[in-house]
C-alpha atoms as a PDB file:
ATOM      1  CA  MET A   1      -0.160   0.248   0.208  1.00  0.00           C
ATOM      2  CA  SER A   2       1.280   3.348  -1.163  1.00  0.00           C
ATOM      3  CA  GLN A   3       1.545   6.562   1.240  1.00  0.00           C
ATOM      4  CA  PRO A   4      -0.627   9.463   0.015  1.00  0.00           C
ATOM      5  CA  ALA A   5       1.314  12.289  -1.000  1.00  0.00           C
ATOM      6  CA  VAL A   6       1.777  14.922   1.566  1.00  0.00           C
ATOM      7  CA  SER A   7       2.321  18.408  -0.083  1.00  0.00           C
ATOM      8  CA  GLN A   8       4.822  20.665   1.950  1.00  0.00           C
ATOM      9  CA  PRO A   9       3.453  24.331   2.911  1.00  0.00           C
ATOM     10  CA  LYS A  10       4.590  26.775   0.748  1.00  0.00           C
ATOM     11  CA  PRO A  11       7.390  29.020   2.393  1.00  0.00           C
ATOM     12  CA  ILE A  12       6.540  32.429   3.382  1.00  0.00           C
ATOM     13  CA  SER A  13       8.480  35.313   1.886  1.00  0.00           C
ATOM     14  CA  THR A  14      10.350  37.350   4.220  1.00  0.00           C
ATOM     15  CA  TRP A  15       9.294  40.936   2.835  1.00  0.00           C
ATOM     16  CA  ARG A  16       5.703  39.764   4.101  1.00  0.00           C
ATOM     17  CA  LYS A  17       7.046  38.903   7.539  1.00  0.00           C
ATOM     18  CA  VAL A  18       8.750  42.077   7.675  1.00  0.00           C
ATOM     19  CA  PHE A  19       5.999  44.242   6.211  1.00  0.00           C
ATOM     20  CA  ALA A  20       3.496  42.628   8.590  1.00  0.00           C
ATOM     21  CA  ALA A  21       5.513  43.804  11.429  1.00  0.00           C
ATOM     22  CA  ILE A  22       5.955  47.038  10.127  1.00  0.00           C
ATOM     23  CA  LEU A  23       2.320  47.466   9.901  1.00  0.00           C
ATOM     24  CA  ASP A  24       1.419  45.796  13.316  1.00  0.00           C
ATOM     25  CA  PHE A  25       4.087  48.321  14.848  1.00  0.00           C
ATOM     26  CA  ILE A  26       2.472  51.243  13.405  1.00  0.00           C
ATOM     27  CA  PHE A  27      -0.850  50.196  14.358  1.00  0.00           C
ATOM     28  CA  VAL A  28      -0.463  49.347  17.858  1.00  0.00           C
ATOM     29  CA  PHE A  29       1.947  52.617  18.303  1.00  0.00           C
ATOM     30  CA  ALA A  30      -0.947  54.868  16.783  1.00  0.00           C
ATOM     31  CA  ILE A  31      -3.927  53.434  18.561  1.00  0.00           C
ATOM     32  CA  ALA A  32      -2.496  52.579  21.939  1.00  0.00           C
ATOM     33  CA  GLY A  33      -0.007  55.936  21.691  1.00  0.00           C
ATOM     34  CA  TYR A  34      -3.265  58.206  20.801  1.00  0.00           C
ATOM     35  CA  ALA A  35      -5.529  56.378  23.689  1.00  0.00           C
ATOM     36  CA  ILE A  36      -2.721  56.970  26.346  1.00  0.00           C
ATOM     37  CA  ALA A  37      -2.146  60.279  25.237  1.00  0.00           C
ATOM     38  CA  SER A  38      -5.672  61.380  25.458  1.00  0.00           C
ATOM     39  CA  MET A  39      -6.067  59.582  28.618  1.00  0.00           C
ATOM     40  CA  THR A  40      -2.842  61.824  30.316  1.00  0.00           C
ATOM     41  CA  GLY A  41      -3.608  64.957  28.530  1.00  0.00           C
ATOM     42  CA  ASN A  42      -0.440  64.487  26.008  1.00  0.00           C
ATOM     43  CA  THR A  43      -2.373  65.422  22.944  1.00  0.00           C
ATOM     44  CA  SER A  44      -1.576  68.187  20.389  1.00  0.00           C
ATOM     45  CA  GLU A  45      -2.528  69.636  16.965  1.00  0.00           C
ATOM     46  CA  GLU A  46      -0.011  67.359  15.396  1.00  0.00           C
ATOM     47  CA  GLY A  47      -0.814  64.090  17.367  1.00  0.00           C
ATOM     48  CA  PHE A  48       0.593  63.332  20.645  1.00  0.00           C
ATOM     49  CA  GLU A  49       3.935  63.524  22.695  1.00  0.00           C
ATOM     50  CA  LEU A  50       4.648  61.007  25.354  1.00  0.00           C
ATOM     51  CA  LYS A  51       7.392  61.240  28.090  1.00  0.00           C
ATOM     52  CA  GLY A  52       8.138  59.191  31.075  1.00  0.00           C
ATOM     53  CA  GLY A  53       5.518  57.028  32.501  1.00  0.00           C
ATOM     54  CA  PRO A  54       2.941  56.986  29.983  1.00  0.00           C
ATOM     55  CA  ALA A  55       5.933  56.432  27.361  1.00  0.00           C
ATOM     56  CA  PHE A  56       6.804  53.089  29.442  1.00  0.00           C
ATOM     57  CA  ILE A  57       3.248  51.896  29.302  1.00  0.00           C
ATOM     58  CA  LEU A  58       3.232  52.473  25.406  1.00  0.00           C
ATOM     59  CA  PHE A  59       6.528  50.565  25.093  1.00  0.00           C
ATOM     60  CA  ALA A  60       4.918  47.811  27.167  1.00  0.00           C
ATOM     61  CA  ILE A  61       1.650  47.505  25.381  1.00  0.00           C
ATOM     62  CA  VAL A  62       3.736  47.159  22.051  1.00  0.00           C
ATOM     63  CA  ILE A  63       5.641  44.284  23.509  1.00  0.00           C
ATOM     64  CA  LEU A  64       2.625  42.504  24.975  1.00  0.00           C
ATOM     65  CA  TYR A  65       0.557  42.979  21.503  1.00  0.00           C
ATOM     66  CA  PHE A  66       3.345  40.883  19.758  1.00  0.00           C
ATOM     67  CA  VAL A  67       3.720  38.601  22.508  1.00  0.00           C
ATOM     68  CA  VAL A  68      -0.037  37.831  23.334  1.00  0.00           C
ATOM     69  CA  PHE A  69      -1.037  37.859  19.664  1.00  0.00           C
ATOM     70  CA  THR A  70       1.816  35.477  18.420  1.00  0.00           C
ATOM     71  CA  ARG A  71       1.918  33.112  21.211  1.00  0.00           C
ATOM     72  CA  TYR A  72      -1.957  32.730  22.397  1.00  0.00           C
ATOM     73  CA  LEU A  73      -3.967  34.216  19.311  1.00  0.00           C
ATOM     74  CA  GLY A  74      -2.403  32.482  16.318  1.00  0.00           C
ATOM     75  CA  GLY A  75      -0.647  35.741  15.093  1.00  0.00           C
ATOM     76  CA  THR A  76      -0.911  39.601  14.889  1.00  0.00           C
ATOM     77  CA  LEU A  77      -3.378  41.156  12.999  1.00  0.00           C
ATOM     78  CA  TRP A  78      -1.410  41.903  10.119  1.00  0.00           C
ATOM     79  CA  GLN A  79       0.540  38.556  10.028  1.00  0.00           C
ATOM     80  CA  ARG A  80      -3.034  37.325   9.400  1.00  0.00           C
ATOM     81  CA  LEU A  81      -4.365  39.850   6.961  1.00  0.00           C
ATOM     82  CA  LEU A  82      -1.048  39.007   5.145  1.00  0.00           C
ATOM     83  CA  GLY A  83      -1.200  35.402   5.331  1.00  0.00           C
ATOM     84  CA  VAL A  84       2.043  35.233   7.148  1.00  0.00           C
ATOM     85  CA  ARG A  85       0.544  32.687   9.906  1.00  0.00           C
END
């Protein structure tokens, strides 16, 4: 009896992985940064400016986004949209 042919998954191009990571970073930085700036009163006409504690909170949120989504939720938003995961 012969074994059925098992197809190997198509390798994912590096540019799609890098592009997804860049888009994820911009997405989380903009949304979380503006939300934190709004809560702490650090918004301006040009956008927002975070220093000290609020900047540290934003940094932690960006790291948590990548860790939680990649490890526990099967990939980040842009990884899923671009078919990286």
